[in-house]
Structures are given as C-alpha cells and as structure tokens.
N, C-alpha and C. Protein backbone atom coordinates (compact mmCIF):
# COMPACT_ATOMS: atom_id res chain seq x y z
N UNK A 1 12.32 -28.50 18.27
CA UNK A 1 12.30 -27.71 17.21
C UNK A 1 13.81 -27.36 16.91
N UNK A 2 14.23 -27.31 15.64
CA UNK A 2 15.57 -27.16 15.29
C UNK A 2 15.83 -25.52 15.08
N UNK A 3 17.06 -25.20 15.04
CA UNK A 3 17.44 -23.93 14.77
C UNK A 3 16.93 -23.34 13.66
N UNK A 4 16.97 -24.28 12.44
CA UNK A 4 16.48 -23.84 11.21
C UNK A 4 15.11 -23.43 11.25
N UNK A 5 14.28 -24.17 12.07
CA UNK A 5 12.66 -23.99 12.02
C UNK A 5 12.38 -22.73 12.90
N UNK A 6 13.26 -22.32 13.85
CA UNK A 6 13.06 -21.12 14.61
C UNK A 6 13.33 -19.99 13.53
N UNK A 7 14.42 -20.04 12.87
CA UNK A 7 14.86 -19.14 11.99
C UNK A 7 13.84 -18.78 10.91
N UNK A 8 13.15 -19.90 10.30
CA UNK A 8 12.03 -19.82 9.25
C UNK A 8 10.88 -19.10 9.90
N UNK A 9 10.45 -19.50 11.14
CA UNK A 9 9.34 -18.85 11.92
C UNK A 9 9.63 -17.49 12.08
N UNK A 10 10.71 -16.99 12.52
CA UNK A 10 11.20 -15.69 12.78
C UNK A 10 10.95 -14.97 11.30
N UNK A 11 11.51 -15.40 10.36
CA UNK A 11 11.42 -14.88 9.13
C UNK A 11 10.05 -14.54 8.67
N UNK A 12 9.02 -15.54 8.74
CA UNK A 12 7.75 -15.50 8.29
C UNK A 12 7.11 -14.36 9.36
N UNK A 13 7.44 -14.30 10.43
CA UNK A 13 6.82 -13.27 11.39
C UNK A 13 7.32 -11.81 11.00
N UNK A 14 8.54 -11.86 10.62
CA UNK A 14 9.16 -10.61 10.11
C UNK A 14 8.55 -10.13 8.86
N UNK A 15 8.22 -10.95 7.95
CA UNK A 15 7.62 -10.63 6.73
C UNK A 15 6.19 -10.10 6.89
N UNK A 16 5.38 -10.76 7.83
CA UNK A 16 4.05 -10.44 8.07
C UNK A 16 4.27 -9.00 8.70
N UNK A 17 5.18 -8.82 9.76
CA UNK A 17 5.30 -7.45 10.37
C UNK A 17 5.62 -6.33 9.44
N UNK A 18 6.45 -6.66 8.56
CA UNK A 18 6.84 -5.70 7.45
C UNK A 18 5.62 -5.37 6.73
N UNK A 19 4.91 -6.36 6.25
CA UNK A 19 3.76 -6.21 5.29
C UNK A 19 2.63 -5.27 5.96
N UNK A 20 2.46 -5.64 7.39
CA UNK A 20 1.37 -4.90 8.06
C UNK A 20 1.77 -3.57 8.38
N UNK A 21 3.12 -3.52 8.79
CA UNK A 21 3.51 -1.93 8.90
C UNK A 21 3.44 -1.18 7.74
N UNK A 22 3.88 -1.65 6.45
CA UNK A 22 3.77 -1.03 5.14
C UNK A 22 2.22 -0.79 4.95
N UNK A 23 1.35 -1.66 5.08
CA UNK A 23 -0.02 -1.64 4.86
C UNK A 23 -0.75 -0.36 5.78
N UNK A 24 -0.22 -0.42 7.16
CA UNK A 24 -0.82 0.38 7.98
C UNK A 24 -0.30 1.86 7.58
N UNK A 25 0.83 2.15 7.20
CA UNK A 25 1.55 3.36 6.90
C UNK A 25 0.86 3.96 5.56
N UNK A 26 0.55 3.05 4.67
CA UNK A 26 -0.10 3.58 3.55
C UNK A 26 -1.55 3.81 3.83
N UNK A 27 -2.29 3.00 4.65
CA UNK A 27 -3.64 3.22 5.11
C UNK A 27 -3.81 4.55 5.76
N UNK A 28 -2.95 4.99 6.66
CA UNK A 28 -2.92 6.16 7.47
C UNK A 28 -2.72 7.31 6.45
N UNK A 29 -1.59 7.22 5.70
CA UNK A 29 -1.33 8.40 4.78
C UNK A 29 -2.13 8.65 3.66
N UNK A 30 -2.61 7.51 3.12
CA UNK A 30 -3.62 7.73 2.09
C UNK A 30 -5.10 8.23 2.47
N UNK A 31 -5.33 7.63 3.87
CA UNK A 31 -6.62 8.08 4.26
C UNK A 31 -6.63 9.61 4.62
N UNK A 32 -5.49 9.95 5.25
CA UNK A 32 -5.42 11.39 5.42
C UNK A 32 -5.27 12.33 4.22
N UNK A 33 -4.69 11.84 3.19
CA UNK A 33 -4.66 12.56 1.94
C UNK A 33 -6.11 12.45 1.38
N UNK A 34 -6.86 11.42 1.50
CA UNK A 34 -8.33 11.51 0.88
C UNK A 34 -9.17 12.42 1.81
N UNK A 35 -8.89 12.55 3.01
CA UNK A 35 -9.70 13.44 4.08
C UNK A 35 -9.33 14.88 3.67
N UNK A 36 -8.04 15.26 3.52
CA UNK A 36 -7.67 16.47 3.31
C UNK A 36 -8.19 17.00 2.06
N UNK A 37 -7.98 16.30 0.90
CA UNK A 37 -8.62 16.59 -0.38
C UNK A 37 -10.18 16.84 -0.28
N UNK A 38 -10.86 15.89 0.31
CA UNK A 38 -12.32 15.89 0.28
C UNK A 38 -12.94 17.14 1.05
N UNK A 39 -12.41 17.14 2.54
CA UNK A 39 -12.84 18.14 3.35
C UNK A 39 -12.33 19.47 3.20
N UNK A 40 -11.03 19.57 2.98
CA UNK A 40 -10.41 20.89 3.00
C UNK A 40 -10.20 21.53 1.67
N UNK A 41 -9.82 20.70 0.73
CA UNK A 41 -9.44 21.21 -0.61
C UNK A 41 -10.78 21.41 -1.48
N UNK A 42 -11.51 20.33 -1.53
CA UNK A 42 -12.72 20.22 -2.49
C UNK A 42 -13.92 20.67 -1.84
N UNK A 43 -13.86 20.60 -0.32
CA UNK A 43 -14.93 21.10 0.43
C UNK A 43 -16.22 20.37 0.02
N UNK A 44 -16.18 18.96 -0.21
CA UNK A 44 -17.26 18.20 -0.65
C UNK A 44 -17.91 17.13 0.33
N UNK A 45 -17.43 17.17 1.63
CA UNK A 45 -17.99 16.27 2.51
C UNK A 45 -17.07 16.35 3.77
N UNK A 46 -17.30 15.12 4.45
CA UNK A 46 -16.71 14.97 5.74
C UNK A 46 -15.73 13.82 5.68
N UNK A 47 -14.93 13.66 6.66
CA UNK A 47 -14.18 12.43 6.95
C UNK A 47 -14.84 11.16 6.95
N UNK A 48 -15.95 11.17 7.57
CA UNK A 48 -16.96 9.99 7.67
C UNK A 48 -17.34 9.58 6.31
N UNK A 49 -17.78 10.59 5.51
CA UNK A 49 -18.10 10.27 4.17
C UNK A 49 -17.12 9.74 3.28
N UNK A 50 -15.88 10.03 3.61
CA UNK A 50 -14.75 9.56 2.75
C UNK A 50 -14.79 7.96 2.88
N UNK A 51 -15.03 7.42 4.01
CA UNK A 51 -15.06 6.06 4.33
C UNK A 51 -16.29 5.46 4.05
N UNK A 52 -17.37 6.22 4.22
CA UNK A 52 -18.69 5.60 3.63
C UNK A 52 -18.68 5.46 2.10
N UNK A 53 -17.95 6.32 1.56
CA UNK A 53 -17.78 6.04 0.02
C UNK A 53 -17.11 4.81 -0.27
N UNK A 54 -16.06 4.41 0.43
CA UNK A 54 -15.35 3.21 0.29
C UNK A 54 -16.33 2.08 0.47
N UNK A 55 -17.21 2.10 1.57
CA UNK A 55 -18.11 0.97 1.82
C UNK A 55 -19.00 0.91 0.91
N UNK A 56 -19.52 1.98 0.18
CA UNK A 56 -20.37 1.93 -0.85
C UNK A 56 -19.98 1.13 -2.08
N UNK A 57 -18.71 0.89 -2.26
CA UNK A 57 -18.31 0.04 -3.20
C UNK A 57 -18.65 -1.54 -2.79
N UNK A 58 -18.89 -1.97 -1.47
CA UNK A 58 -19.30 -3.14 -1.14
C UNK A 58 -20.74 -3.29 -0.89
N UNK A 59 -21.27 -2.28 -0.24
CA UNK A 59 -22.72 -2.59 0.25
C UNK A 59 -23.65 -1.58 -0.45
N UNK A 60 -23.23 -0.74 -1.38
CA UNK A 60 -24.17 -0.02 -2.28
C UNK A 60 -24.48 1.44 -1.60
N UNK A 61 -25.44 2.06 -2.15
CA UNK A 61 -25.60 3.31 -1.78
C UNK A 61 -26.17 3.53 -0.36
N UNK A 62 -26.58 2.34 0.25
CA UNK A 62 -27.02 2.42 1.56
C UNK A 62 -25.88 2.83 2.60
N UNK A 63 -24.66 2.74 2.17
CA UNK A 63 -23.63 3.13 2.95
C UNK A 63 -23.40 4.55 3.36
N UNK A 64 -24.05 5.31 2.40
CA UNK A 64 -23.85 6.81 2.54
C UNK A 64 -25.00 7.25 3.63
N UNK A 65 -25.86 6.35 4.04
CA UNK A 65 -26.73 6.68 5.25
C UNK A 65 -26.47 5.78 6.39
N UNK A 66 -25.46 5.01 6.25
CA UNK A 66 -25.08 4.00 7.32
C UNK A 66 -24.37 4.56 8.56
N UNK A 67 -24.15 5.73 8.56
CA UNK A 67 -23.53 6.46 9.78
C UNK A 67 -22.00 5.79 9.98
N UNK A 68 -21.84 5.71 11.42
CA UNK A 68 -20.47 5.15 11.85
C UNK A 68 -20.25 3.85 11.45
N UNK A 69 -21.29 3.04 11.31
CA UNK A 69 -21.10 1.65 10.99
C UNK A 69 -20.43 1.48 9.62
N UNK A 70 -21.08 2.21 8.59
CA UNK A 70 -20.49 1.99 7.41
C UNK A 70 -19.22 2.74 7.26
N UNK A 71 -19.07 3.84 7.88
CA UNK A 71 -17.69 4.47 7.85
C UNK A 71 -16.73 3.50 8.28
N UNK A 72 -17.03 2.67 9.47
CA UNK A 72 -16.07 1.97 10.12
C UNK A 72 -15.76 0.64 8.96
N UNK A 73 -16.81 0.35 8.25
CA UNK A 73 -16.65 -0.78 7.26
C UNK A 73 -15.67 -0.18 6.25
N UNK A 74 -15.92 1.10 5.70
CA UNK A 74 -15.07 1.74 4.65
C UNK A 74 -13.65 1.73 5.29
N UNK A 75 -13.41 2.06 6.48
CA UNK A 75 -12.12 2.14 6.99
C UNK A 75 -11.29 0.79 7.05
N UNK A 76 -12.12 -0.19 7.55
CA UNK A 76 -11.56 -1.63 7.37
C UNK A 76 -11.04 -2.06 5.88
N UNK A 77 -12.16 -1.74 4.95
CA UNK A 77 -11.83 -2.01 3.59
C UNK A 77 -10.58 -1.21 3.06
N UNK A 78 -10.45 0.07 3.43
CA UNK A 78 -9.39 0.90 3.00
C UNK A 78 -8.11 0.36 3.52
N UNK A 79 -8.06 -0.08 4.88
CA UNK A 79 -6.76 -0.67 5.21
C UNK A 79 -6.23 -2.01 4.75
N UNK A 80 -7.51 -2.67 4.36
CA UNK A 80 -7.34 -4.07 3.79
C UNK A 80 -6.75 -3.91 2.38
N UNK A 81 -7.28 -2.89 1.61
CA UNK A 81 -6.71 -2.68 0.39
C UNK A 81 -5.36 -2.19 0.38
N UNK A 82 -4.96 -1.31 1.27
CA UNK A 82 -3.52 -0.78 1.47
C UNK A 82 -2.66 -1.98 1.70
N UNK A 83 -3.15 -2.87 2.58
CA UNK A 83 -2.27 -4.06 2.97
C UNK A 83 -2.21 -4.96 1.69
N UNK A 84 -3.20 -5.15 0.92
CA UNK A 84 -3.04 -5.81 -0.35
C UNK A 84 -1.99 -5.39 -1.19
N UNK A 85 -1.92 -4.16 -1.30
CA UNK A 85 -0.91 -3.45 -2.25
C UNK A 85 0.43 -3.66 -1.59
N UNK A 86 0.57 -3.69 -0.13
CA UNK A 86 1.76 -3.97 0.46
C UNK A 86 2.41 -5.44 0.10
N UNK A 87 1.29 -6.32 0.09
CA UNK A 87 1.64 -7.69 -0.23
C UNK A 87 2.13 -7.71 -1.68
N UNK A 88 1.40 -7.12 -2.66
CA UNK A 88 1.87 -7.23 -3.92
C UNK A 88 3.24 -6.55 -4.14
N UNK A 89 3.58 -5.40 -3.48
CA UNK A 89 4.98 -4.90 -3.65
C UNK A 89 5.80 -5.80 -3.10
N UNK A 90 5.53 -6.49 -1.80
CA UNK A 90 6.38 -7.34 -1.26
C UNK A 90 6.86 -8.53 -2.04
N UNK A 91 5.70 -9.11 -2.72
CA UNK A 91 5.99 -10.26 -3.58
C UNK A 91 6.79 -9.83 -4.80
N UNK A 92 6.55 -8.69 -5.46
CA UNK A 92 7.42 -8.25 -6.57
C UNK A 92 8.85 -8.05 -6.18
N UNK A 93 9.11 -7.52 -4.89
CA UNK A 93 10.49 -7.33 -4.54
C UNK A 93 11.18 -8.74 -4.31
N UNK A 94 10.40 -9.67 -3.69
CA UNK A 94 10.84 -10.99 -3.52
C UNK A 94 11.21 -11.68 -4.78
N UNK A 95 10.34 -11.38 -5.96
CA UNK A 95 10.46 -12.14 -7.14
C UNK A 95 11.62 -11.69 -8.10
N UNK A 96 11.75 -10.43 -8.06
CA UNK A 96 12.81 -9.71 -9.01
C UNK A 96 13.97 -9.23 -8.33
N UNK A 97 15.07 -9.93 -8.64
CA UNK A 97 16.47 -9.50 -8.03
C UNK A 97 16.97 -8.05 -8.50
N UNK A 98 16.56 -7.78 -9.99
CA UNK A 98 16.87 -6.44 -10.35
C UNK A 98 16.01 -5.38 -9.71
N UNK A 99 14.83 -5.57 -9.24
CA UNK A 99 14.06 -4.65 -8.50
C UNK A 99 14.71 -4.42 -7.14
N UNK A 100 15.30 -5.50 -6.54
CA UNK A 100 15.92 -5.40 -5.16
C UNK A 100 17.18 -4.54 -5.43
N UNK A 101 17.89 -4.80 -6.60
CA UNK A 101 19.14 -4.05 -6.88
C UNK A 101 18.80 -2.58 -6.92
N UNK A 102 17.73 -2.25 -7.73
CA UNK A 102 17.34 -0.77 -7.78
C UNK A 102 16.96 -0.18 -6.40
N UNK A 103 16.28 -0.98 -5.60
CA UNK A 103 15.94 -0.38 -4.25
C UNK A 103 17.20 -0.31 -3.29
N UNK A 104 18.27 -0.67 -3.64
CA UNK A 104 19.48 -0.46 -2.77
C UNK A 104 20.02 0.95 -2.74
N UNK A 105 19.55 1.85 -3.46
CA UNK A 105 19.90 3.30 -3.62
C UNK A 105 18.80 4.14 -3.30
N UNK A 106 19.07 5.24 -2.71
CA UNK A 106 17.98 6.19 -2.46
C UNK A 106 17.30 6.55 -3.61
N UNK A 107 17.98 6.85 -4.57
CA UNK A 107 17.21 7.38 -5.87
C UNK A 107 16.45 6.18 -6.52
N UNK A 108 16.85 5.07 -6.44
CA UNK A 108 16.18 3.87 -7.03
C UNK A 108 14.90 3.67 -6.05
N UNK A 109 14.95 3.83 -4.82
CA UNK A 109 13.80 3.66 -3.79
C UNK A 109 12.85 4.71 -4.26
N UNK A 110 13.31 5.98 -4.38
CA UNK A 110 12.25 7.10 -4.62
C UNK A 110 11.72 6.75 -5.96
N UNK A 111 12.38 6.38 -6.97
CA UNK A 111 11.88 6.14 -8.38
C UNK A 111 10.75 5.03 -8.35
N UNK A 112 11.28 3.78 -7.72
CA UNK A 112 10.37 2.70 -7.70
C UNK A 112 9.23 3.07 -7.01
N UNK A 113 9.27 3.67 -5.80
CA UNK A 113 8.09 4.14 -5.02
C UNK A 113 7.25 5.10 -5.83
N UNK A 114 7.64 5.97 -6.69
CA UNK A 114 6.89 6.82 -7.43
C UNK A 114 6.17 6.10 -8.60
N UNK A 115 6.91 5.12 -9.16
CA UNK A 115 6.29 4.34 -10.33
C UNK A 115 5.17 3.34 -9.80
N UNK A 116 5.56 2.76 -8.68
CA UNK A 116 4.57 1.80 -7.97
C UNK A 116 3.24 2.62 -7.58
N UNK A 117 3.49 3.85 -6.96
CA UNK A 117 2.36 4.63 -6.47
C UNK A 117 1.52 4.93 -7.62
N UNK A 118 1.99 5.33 -8.78
CA UNK A 118 1.22 5.82 -10.03
C UNK A 118 0.62 4.42 -10.48
N UNK A 119 1.31 3.41 -10.48
CA UNK A 119 0.65 2.03 -10.94
C UNK A 119 -0.53 1.71 -9.98
N UNK A 120 -0.58 1.89 -8.73
CA UNK A 120 -1.66 1.65 -7.88
C UNK A 120 -2.79 2.50 -8.22
N UNK A 121 -2.54 3.86 -8.44
CA UNK A 121 -3.68 4.75 -8.69
C UNK A 121 -4.25 4.43 -10.10
N UNK A 122 -3.49 3.99 -11.17
CA UNK A 122 -4.14 3.62 -12.35
C UNK A 122 -5.01 2.40 -12.32
N UNK A 123 -4.33 1.41 -11.41
CA UNK A 123 -5.21 0.29 -11.29
C UNK A 123 -6.47 0.49 -10.51
N UNK A 124 -6.44 1.25 -9.43
CA UNK A 124 -7.71 1.49 -8.71
C UNK A 124 -8.61 2.45 -9.58
N UNK A 125 -8.13 3.56 -10.22
CA UNK A 125 -8.98 4.28 -10.95
C UNK A 125 -9.64 3.71 -12.15
N UNK A 126 -8.88 2.81 -12.83
CA UNK A 126 -9.60 2.24 -14.12
C UNK A 126 -9.91 0.70 -13.87
N UNK A 127 -9.58 0.25 -12.85
CA UNK A 127 -9.87 -1.25 -12.51
C UNK A 127 -10.85 -1.47 -11.35
N UNK A 128 -10.40 -1.23 -10.08
CA UNK A 128 -11.02 -1.60 -8.96
C UNK A 128 -12.18 -0.67 -8.74
N UNK A 129 -12.08 0.75 -8.83
CA UNK A 129 -13.17 1.72 -8.59
C UNK A 129 -14.43 1.33 -9.56
N UNK A 130 -14.10 1.13 -10.90
CA UNK A 130 -15.27 0.93 -11.78
C UNK A 130 -15.93 -0.41 -11.38
N UNK A 131 -14.98 -1.55 -11.06
CA UNK A 131 -15.62 -2.82 -10.90
C UNK A 131 -16.46 -2.75 -9.49
N UNK A 132 -16.19 -1.82 -8.52
CA UNK A 132 -16.95 -1.78 -7.43
C UNK A 132 -18.34 -0.78 -7.65
N UNK A 133 -18.44 -0.30 -8.89
CA UNK A 133 -19.55 0.35 -9.26
C UNK A 133 -19.42 1.89 -8.76
N UNK A 134 -18.25 2.37 -8.57
CA UNK A 134 -17.88 3.60 -8.19
C UNK A 134 -17.34 4.59 -9.09
N UNK A 135 -17.15 4.17 -10.30
CA UNK A 135 -16.25 4.82 -11.27
C UNK A 135 -17.03 5.41 -12.46
N UNK A 136 -18.41 5.63 -12.11
CA UNK A 136 -19.17 6.33 -13.29
C UNK A 136 -18.93 7.72 -13.22
N UNK A 137 -18.30 8.42 -12.40
CA UNK A 137 -18.20 9.75 -12.43
C UNK A 137 -16.86 10.14 -13.33
N UNK A 138 -17.01 11.13 -14.08
CA UNK A 138 -15.79 11.53 -14.83
C UNK A 138 -14.90 12.39 -13.84
N UNK A 139 -13.64 12.33 -14.25
CA UNK A 139 -12.75 12.99 -13.54
C UNK A 139 -11.99 13.99 -14.40
N UNK A 140 -11.71 15.05 -13.77
CA UNK A 140 -11.08 16.16 -14.47
C UNK A 140 -9.53 15.77 -14.50
N UNK A 141 -8.81 16.37 -15.45
CA UNK A 141 -7.45 16.25 -15.63
C UNK A 141 -6.61 16.66 -14.33
N UNK A 142 -7.06 17.78 -13.81
CA UNK A 142 -6.34 18.38 -12.62
C UNK A 142 -6.60 17.43 -11.48
N UNK A 143 -7.73 16.95 -11.26
CA UNK A 143 -8.03 15.93 -10.09
C UNK A 143 -7.35 14.64 -10.49
N UNK A 144 -7.32 14.26 -11.65
CA UNK A 144 -6.55 13.06 -11.92
C UNK A 144 -5.11 13.10 -11.59
N UNK A 145 -4.37 14.34 -11.99
CA UNK A 145 -2.99 14.47 -11.70
C UNK A 145 -2.77 14.64 -10.09
N UNK A 146 -3.67 15.19 -9.40
CA UNK A 146 -3.58 15.37 -8.05
C UNK A 146 -3.46 14.02 -7.41
N UNK A 147 -4.49 13.04 -7.81
CA UNK A 147 -4.59 11.70 -7.22
C UNK A 147 -3.20 11.10 -7.80
N UNK A 148 -2.91 11.13 -8.83
CA UNK A 148 -1.79 10.41 -9.37
C UNK A 148 -0.43 10.64 -8.62
N UNK A 149 -0.15 12.05 -8.47
CA UNK A 149 0.95 12.43 -7.79
C UNK A 149 0.77 12.10 -6.26
N UNK A 150 -0.44 12.23 -5.75
CA UNK A 150 -0.65 11.87 -4.35
C UNK A 150 -0.37 10.42 -3.93
N UNK A 151 -0.77 9.61 -4.97
CA UNK A 151 -0.48 8.20 -4.93
C UNK A 151 0.98 7.91 -4.86
N UNK A 152 1.72 8.58 -5.74
CA UNK A 152 3.27 8.46 -6.00
C UNK A 152 3.81 8.75 -4.55
N UNK A 153 3.27 9.62 -3.77
CA UNK A 153 3.99 10.13 -2.65
C UNK A 153 3.30 9.22 -1.45
N UNK A 154 1.98 9.07 -1.20
CA UNK A 154 1.41 8.57 0.01
C UNK A 154 1.44 7.11 0.06
N UNK A 155 1.42 6.52 -1.15
CA UNK A 155 1.21 4.98 -1.28
C UNK A 155 2.47 4.46 -1.76
N UNK A 156 3.07 4.91 -2.82
CA UNK A 156 4.40 4.37 -3.36
C UNK A 156 5.69 4.62 -2.55
N UNK A 157 5.62 5.74 -1.90
CA UNK A 157 6.88 5.93 -1.08
C UNK A 157 6.93 5.17 0.24
N UNK A 158 5.88 5.15 1.05
CA UNK A 158 5.97 4.30 2.24
C UNK A 158 6.28 2.83 1.94
N UNK A 159 5.67 2.31 0.80
CA UNK A 159 5.85 0.93 0.43
C UNK A 159 7.20 0.72 0.05
N UNK A 160 7.82 1.51 -0.70
CA UNK A 160 9.06 1.46 -1.21
C UNK A 160 10.13 1.51 0.06
N UNK A 161 9.96 2.52 0.79
CA UNK A 161 10.96 2.62 1.92
C UNK A 161 10.85 1.52 2.96
N UNK A 162 9.58 1.21 3.29
CA UNK A 162 9.52 0.19 4.41
C UNK A 162 9.89 -1.25 3.87
N UNK A 163 9.51 -1.49 2.73
CA UNK A 163 9.81 -2.82 2.22
C UNK A 163 11.26 -2.97 1.66
N UNK A 164 11.72 -1.85 0.96
CA UNK A 164 13.15 -1.86 0.58
C UNK A 164 14.08 -2.13 1.72
N UNK A 165 13.81 -1.42 2.90
CA UNK A 165 14.90 -1.66 4.02
C UNK A 165 14.75 -3.04 4.50
N UNK A 166 13.53 -3.70 4.52
CA UNK A 166 13.47 -5.08 4.94
C UNK A 166 14.34 -5.95 4.01
N UNK A 167 13.93 -5.69 2.58
CA UNK A 167 14.68 -6.48 1.61
C UNK A 167 16.30 -6.39 1.73
N UNK A 168 16.62 -5.09 2.05
CA UNK A 168 18.15 -4.85 2.27
C UNK A 168 18.66 -5.52 3.31
N UNK A 169 17.86 -5.46 4.37
CA UNK A 169 18.22 -6.32 5.57
C UNK A 169 18.40 -7.85 5.42
N UNK A 170 17.30 -8.31 4.75
CA UNK A 170 17.32 -9.75 4.38
C UNK A 170 18.53 -10.13 3.41
N UNK A 171 18.77 -9.25 2.41
CA UNK A 171 19.89 -9.57 1.52
C UNK A 171 21.30 -9.52 2.39
N UNK A 172 21.33 -8.66 3.24
CA UNK A 172 22.75 -8.57 4.01
C UNK A 172 22.84 -9.82 4.82
N UNK A 173 21.61 -10.29 5.42
CA UNK A 173 21.72 -11.49 6.28
C UNK A 173 22.19 -12.63 5.35
N UNK A 174 21.55 -12.77 4.18
CA UNK A 174 21.85 -13.89 3.33
C UNK A 174 23.33 -13.76 2.86
N UNK A 175 23.72 -12.73 2.42
CA UNK A 175 25.20 -12.56 1.99
C UNK A 175 26.17 -12.73 3.19
N UNK A 176 25.74 -12.30 4.39
CA UNK A 176 26.43 -12.61 5.52
C UNK A 176 26.65 -13.95 5.85
N UNK A 177 25.50 -14.77 5.79
CA UNK A 177 25.39 -16.03 6.05
C UNK A 177 26.31 -17.00 5.01
N UNK A 178 26.19 -16.56 3.88
CA UNK A 178 26.67 -17.10 2.72
C UNK A 178 28.34 -17.02 2.73
N UNK A 179 28.85 -15.89 3.26
CA UNK A 179 30.17 -15.65 3.37
C UNK A 179 30.73 -16.55 4.66
N UNK A 180 29.92 -16.92 5.61
CA UNK A 180 30.36 -17.56 6.67
C UNK A 180 30.13 -19.08 6.42
N UNK A 181 29.59 -19.49 5.19
CA UNK A 181 29.47 -20.88 5.10
C UNK A 181 28.10 -21.38 5.60
N UNK A 182 27.16 -20.60 6.04
CA UNK A 182 25.81 -20.92 6.61
C UNK A 182 24.82 -20.88 5.55
N UNK A 183 24.17 -21.98 5.45
CA UNK A 183 22.87 -22.00 4.65
C UNK A 183 21.82 -21.15 5.10
N UNK A 184 21.11 -20.34 4.35
CA UNK A 184 20.03 -19.42 4.73
C UNK A 184 18.58 -20.01 4.51
N UNK A 185 18.57 -21.24 3.87
CA UNK A 185 17.16 -21.95 3.78
C UNK A 185 16.98 -22.73 4.91
C-alpha cells in the first residue's frame, strides 16, 4: 500500500467521521428540541410519542400504538434523516469554494448555519413531511416560526460548525501541501 493510498483512506474515514459526528449532533439537539416543545411547551404528548410520530411516516398510524418498538424505529429514522442532512451540507461545502470561503469566518459560519437550518425546515415541512403523509395538519404562524428558528439553531449551527471546521482543516492541509510542493490527490 502506497503512502498516497493510506492518505486517501484516512481522508475517507475522516469524512465519514465528520458526517457521522454532525449527524449525531443534529440528531441529539433536534430530538431534544422536539421533546421539549411537545412535552414541556405544548404539553401534547411524551418523548416516546415524538419518535412514534416519526415512525408513523414510514409504517402508518399503527406506529402510535407500537410502543417502544415504533419509538425506536422513529429514533433510528430521526438520526438517519439528520445524517442525510449532514451529507447534503458536506457535499455542498465540498462543491462550492465560495461557500467554503464564507465558512472561514465566525459570522459566515453563523449565517450559513442559520440559512441552511431554515432551508432544512422548509424542505421538511413542505416536502418530506407531506410526502410521508404527516403534513395534513395546519400549522400556526407562531409554531412555524418557532420551528424555523429552532432549526436555524439546532440543525444549521451544528452542521455549519462541525463541517466548517473540517473544511478549514482540509483547506489548510491542501494549502500547506501545495506550498511544500506535495500533491494532495
């Protein structure tokens, strides 16, 4: 195995680790956000019901009577979706040099995180949730804004901070290698 193949393998493991870390952070924070809203703010259910509601999108109304099993399925789906959003953000950062430049600053990272979190909420609310058969309910403006702002914080910010740091580190390695005359491919 050549030094180049070791470097490439390490990079792929690093990419996967970054994506999984970002997905896990979003999964935890967004899950806690949903639980706090449902259980403590709206007083409309339990933590288990939050995840049963997610499972309902896959297995239908039976999820609401599925106990711990359907809640576990919902939890797995929740973390899967969070990881998919991490992949989407990772790919966007990898494809757009301008986005990587904006993420070089604290203000840029905050702004990109907020915008991406809002984008995630809009796609989920008007795309994924209705396609899963869960979007029949109307939403009040106040609830919509709470969810929008919440996603800007608990989804967009962790994605931006975790992935931006990794992108900065990768850019520094590439620029350091280039300045030493070493190819980074």
